[in-house]
Amino acid sequence: MSHHFESLFGIKPGMIQTVCIIMPFNIPRAGRLLGVSTMIEGRIFACGQGDGFTLIRSGMSAGFVGDCALYLEETPCQKVLFLGTCGLIHRQLDLDIGSLVTPVTIHAFESFSAIVTNTLTIQAPLHVDSIFPRELKIPCVNAVSFASLHEEEKHLALFDKIRAVAIEMECHAFFLACRNINRTAGALLVISDILQEKTFSSALAPDDKKKLADGINRACGYLKSIISQ
């Protein structure tokens, strides 16, 4: 495995620290806020070293994130944290652009083929425990991992049926993979859009840009506090 690992990740397995943060794409300023100045590129993934953790850019989608976590099985990593963004399915009184949430119930609709052929079936959700301290007051939400940005607004009735609050692409696979390799896992998501109102393809107003930036600042601060525990 070590030969494949170094090729894919750009570093040897033994260089992975006991805490890893998986980030599916370059969230603006997150690396700098976490104290990671350089990312080493592998053939698929990229790694950077911080104070007490390794930051890994996995690439978007359930497959990339899930594989990234599975490859950590034969490394020193014992705790895996996920930093990503999500959409808010409906506006909530206590949630907005820049709010932080952690998924604790996750429905998976990861088959693009089933989505576009309208053959989705509702499976039992994955339940996970939040690892974030209660004093941080991060809302625990019902989330849906959905494989298509193009199709998400067509499935609002489905999301309402399962009472989903947040939509993203990777968390179900992330937690399943971490459970498969017996690693502690937690996910922190920054709300970056609201379906039908402030869509992922729309330019954010200056006020919302500030809220999103503030949310990323808080997320990185919370992750550093978890790493130091």
Foldseek 3Di string as FASTA:
>chain_A
DQVVCCQQEVDGQAVFFQEEEEEQDPDPCLCVLLPWDDWGHHPAKIWTDGDLGIYIHQHDAQVSLLVVLLVNLPHNHFEYEYEEAWAFAADDPVDDFLAKAWEFWEWEPRDPVCQVVVNDDTDHTHGDDAPFDCVVVHHYFYEYAHHDLVRPVVCSVVCVVVVGGIYHHHDRSNVVSCVVSVHHYIYMYGYHYYPPPRGPPHDDDPVSVVSNVVSSSVVSVRVVVVSVD
